[in-house]
Amino acid sequence: PSHDTAETKDPRKGVECYGPEASSRLKDLLAGKIIELKNDPSQDTEDKYGRLLRYVFLNGENINQKMISDGYAFEYTYKKPYEYQKEFRKSESEAREKNLGLWNKEVCNY
């Protein structure tokens, strides 16, 4: 649930703007680290492609929200509200205002 990054692996879409940067950032944050995965009881456990839907925490920090706050991802609501929706939307709004990452018009044309 909750956040989405640009595609880097989907053969139907090709590599989307800021996808490689988001993938690299996530690897930098999490590689070799012990993380906590948390599901959201208000949501399905998998998306329509069979991918697990989880929140990722590192040392108590919500990495889904960090990716949004830093401009590497955007808030995404699939069918219904979810646990961190309000916080994620606020983080996206702030990242947009600051022109961070994918919201920088010189980087991606959103």
C-alpha atoms as a PDB file:
ATOM      1  CA  PRO A   1       0.000   0.000   0.000  1.00  0.00           C
ATOM      2  CA  SER A   2       0.846   3.597   0.023  1.00  0.00           C
ATOM      3  CA  HIS A   3       3.742   4.583  -2.124  1.00  0.00           C
ATOM      4  CA  ASP A   4       4.960   3.945  -5.606  1.00  0.00           C
ATOM      5  CA  THR A   5       8.234   4.513  -7.388  1.00  0.00           C
ATOM      6  CA  ALA A   6       8.822   4.796 -11.098  1.00  0.00           C
ATOM      7  CA  GLU A   7       9.157   1.456 -12.855  1.00  0.00           C
ATOM      8  CA  THR A   8      12.548   0.027 -13.724  1.00  0.00           C
ATOM      9  CA  LYS A   9      11.633  -3.616 -14.422  1.00  0.00           C
ATOM     10  CA  ASP A  10       8.167  -3.621 -16.057  1.00  0.00           C
ATOM     11  CA  PRO A  11       8.670  -4.627 -19.727  1.00  0.00           C
ATOM     12  CA  ARG A  12       5.360  -2.985 -20.680  1.00  0.00           C
ATOM     13  CA  LYS A  13       6.488   0.438 -19.475  1.00  0.00           C
ATOM     14  CA  GLY A  14      10.245   0.464 -19.763  1.00  0.00           C
ATOM     15  CA  VAL A  15      12.355   2.493 -17.363  1.00  0.00           C
ATOM     16  CA  GLU A  16      10.382   5.464 -16.075  1.00  0.00           C
ATOM     17  CA  CYS A  17      11.761   8.819 -14.977  1.00  0.00           C
ATOM     18  CA  TYR A  18      13.593   8.649 -11.642  1.00  0.00           C
ATOM     19  CA  GLY A  19      13.136   4.882 -11.377  1.00  0.00           C
ATOM     20  CA  PRO A  20      16.857   4.029 -11.368  1.00  0.00           C
ATOM     21  CA  GLU A  21      17.538   6.751  -8.790  1.00  0.00           C
ATOM     22  CA  ALA A  22      14.756   5.466  -6.516  1.00  0.00           C
ATOM     23  CA  SER A  23      15.988   1.890  -6.814  1.00  0.00           C
ATOM     24  CA  SER A  24      19.560   2.926  -6.026  1.00  0.00           C
ATOM     25  CA  ARG A  25      18.474   5.027  -3.039  1.00  0.00           C
ATOM     26  CA  LEU A  26      16.446   2.185  -1.563  1.00  0.00           C
ATOM     27  CA  LYS A  27      19.409  -0.179  -1.931  1.00  0.00           C
ATOM     28  CA  ASP A  28      21.679   2.380  -0.235  1.00  0.00           C
ATOM     29  CA  LEU A  29      19.246   2.717   2.672  1.00  0.00           C
ATOM     30  CA  LEU A  30      18.534  -0.968   3.226  1.00  0.00           C
ATOM     31  CA  ALA A  31      21.378  -3.123   1.900  1.00  0.00           C
ATOM     32  CA  GLY A  32      22.715  -5.360   4.647  1.00  0.00           C
ATOM     33  CA  LYS A  33      20.321  -3.933   7.234  1.00  0.00           C
ATOM     34  CA  ILE A  34      17.778  -5.702   9.415  1.00  0.00           C
ATOM     35  CA  ILE A  35      14.347  -4.284   8.640  1.00  0.00           C
ATOM     36  CA  GLU A  36      10.853  -4.736   9.996  1.00  0.00           C
ATOM     37  CA  LEU A  37       7.996  -5.403   7.582  1.00  0.00           C
ATOM     38  CA  LYS A  38       4.475  -4.472   8.614  1.00  0.00           C
ATOM     39  CA  ASN A  39       1.264  -5.260   6.781  1.00  0.00           C
ATOM     40  CA  ASP A  40      -1.811  -3.041   6.826  1.00  0.00           C
ATOM     41  CA  PRO A  41      -4.951  -4.899   7.972  1.00  0.00           C
ATOM     42  CA  SER A  42      -7.112  -2.478   5.985  1.00  0.00           C
ATOM     43  CA  GLN A  43      -5.453  -3.549   2.709  1.00  0.00           C
ATOM     44  CA  ASP A  44      -4.818  -6.692   0.698  1.00  0.00           C
ATOM     45  CA  THR A  45      -1.605  -8.564   1.438  1.00  0.00           C
ATOM     46  CA  GLU A  46      -0.539  -8.588  -2.241  1.00  0.00           C
ATOM     47  CA  ASP A  47      -1.065  -6.348  -5.242  1.00  0.00           C
ATOM     48  CA  LYS A  48      -2.598  -7.564  -8.501  1.00  0.00           C
ATOM     49  CA  TYR A  49       0.852  -8.742  -9.665  1.00  0.00           C
ATOM     50  CA  GLY A  50       1.386 -10.901  -6.567  1.00  0.00           C
ATOM     51  CA  ARG A  51       3.904  -8.530  -4.953  1.00  0.00           C
ATOM     52  CA  LEU A  52       3.736  -8.312  -1.156  1.00  0.00           C
ATOM     53  CA  LEU A  53       2.324  -5.047   0.170  1.00  0.00           C
ATOM     54  CA  ARG A  54       4.216  -4.031   3.294  1.00  0.00           C
ATOM     55  CA  TYR A  55       5.472  -1.004   5.152  1.00  0.00           C
ATOM     56  CA  VAL A  56       9.226  -1.109   5.659  1.00  0.00           C
ATOM     57  CA  PHE A  57      10.765   0.138   8.892  1.00  0.00           C
ATOM     58  CA  LEU A  58      14.450   0.625   9.639  1.00  0.00           C
ATOM     59  CA  ASN A  59      15.299   1.461  13.244  1.00  0.00           C
ATOM     60  CA  GLY A  60      11.709   2.616  13.755  1.00  0.00           C
ATOM     61  CA  GLU A  61      11.696   4.915  10.699  1.00  0.00           C
ATOM     62  CA  ASN A  62       9.015   4.359   8.061  1.00  0.00           C
ATOM     63  CA  ILE A  63      11.083   3.946   4.886  1.00  0.00           C
ATOM     64  CA  ASN A  64       7.998   4.158   2.654  1.00  0.00           C
ATOM     65  CA  GLN A  65       7.405   7.661   3.996  1.00  0.00           C
ATOM     66  CA  LYS A  66      11.101   8.575   3.793  1.00  0.00           C
ATOM     67  CA  MET A  67      11.159   7.697   0.105  1.00  0.00           C
ATOM     68  CA  ILE A  68       8.167   9.987  -0.440  1.00  0.00           C
ATOM     69  CA  SER A  69       9.598  12.778   1.748  1.00  0.00           C
ATOM     70  CA  ASP A  70      12.900  12.703  -0.132  1.00  0.00           C
ATOM     71  CA  GLY A  71      11.240  12.839  -3.565  1.00  0.00           C
ATOM     72  CA  TYR A  72      12.014   9.268  -4.637  1.00  0.00           C
ATOM     73  CA  ALA A  73       8.396   8.057  -4.571  1.00  0.00           C
ATOM     74  CA  PHE A  74       4.858   9.355  -4.627  1.00  0.00           C
ATOM     75  CA  GLU A  75       1.800   8.585  -2.557  1.00  0.00           C
ATOM     76  CA  TYR A  76      -0.467   6.031  -4.150  1.00  0.00           C
ATOM     77  CA  THR A  77      -3.953   5.013  -3.095  1.00  0.00           C
ATOM     78  CA  TYR A  78      -5.166   1.934  -4.941  1.00  0.00           C
ATOM     79  CA  LYS A  79      -8.727   1.273  -3.828  1.00  0.00           C
ATOM     80  CA  LYS A  80      -9.284   2.481  -0.285  1.00  0.00           C
ATOM     81  CA  PRO A  81      -7.703   4.563   2.474  1.00  0.00           C
ATOM     82  CA  TYR A  82      -4.782   3.020   4.311  1.00  0.00           C
ATOM     83  CA  GLU A  83      -3.055   3.442   7.664  1.00  0.00           C
ATOM     84  CA  TYR A  84      -0.476   6.122   6.766  1.00  0.00           C
ATOM     85  CA  GLN A  85      -2.373   7.851   3.957  1.00  0.00           C
ATOM     86  CA  LYS A  86      -2.595  11.258   5.637  1.00  0.00           C
ATOM     87  CA  GLU A  87       1.112  11.294   6.519  1.00  0.00           C
ATOM     88  CA  PHE A  88       2.191  10.090   3.077  1.00  0.00           C
ATOM     89  CA  ARG A  89       0.090  12.713   1.302  1.00  0.00           C
ATOM     90  CA  LYS A  90       1.561  15.438   3.501  1.00  0.00           C
ATOM     91  CA  SER A  91       5.091  14.167   2.782  1.00  0.00           C
ATOM     92  CA  GLU A  92       4.414  14.194  -0.956  1.00  0.00           C
ATOM     93  CA  SER A  93       3.013  17.716  -0.817  1.00  0.00           C
ATOM     94  CA  GLU A  94       6.117  18.931   1.014  1.00  0.00           C
ATOM     95  CA  ALA A  95       8.462  17.169  -1.440  1.00  0.00           C
ATOM     96  CA  ARG A  96       6.589  18.776  -4.356  1.00  0.00           C
ATOM     97  CA  GLU A  97       6.834  22.230  -2.778  1.00  0.00           C
ATOM     98  CA  LYS A  98      10.591  21.759  -2.343  1.00  0.00           C
ATOM     99  CA  ASN A  99      11.002  20.351  -5.899  1.00  0.00           C
ATOM    100  CA  LEU A 100      12.789  17.307  -4.513  1.00  0.00           C
ATOM    101  CA  GLY A 101      13.791  14.349  -6.663  1.00  0.00           C
ATOM    102  CA  LEU A 102      11.145  13.356  -9.171  1.00  0.00           C
ATOM    103  CA  TRP A 103       9.232  16.604  -8.506  1.00  0.00           C
ATOM    104  CA  ASN A 104      12.105  18.698  -9.869  1.00  0.00           C
ATOM    105  CA  LYS A 105      10.860  19.842 -13.273  1.00  0.00           C
ATOM    106  CA  GLU A 106      14.413  19.668 -14.631  1.00  0.00           C
ATOM    107  CA  VAL A 107      14.485  15.965 -13.729  1.00  0.00           C
ATOM    108  CA  CYS A 108      10.971  14.705 -14.536  1.00  0.00           C
ATOM    109  CA  ASN A 109       8.105  16.447 -16.258  1.00  0.00           C
ATOM    110  CA  TYR A 110       5.304  15.797 -13.755  1.00  0.00           C
END
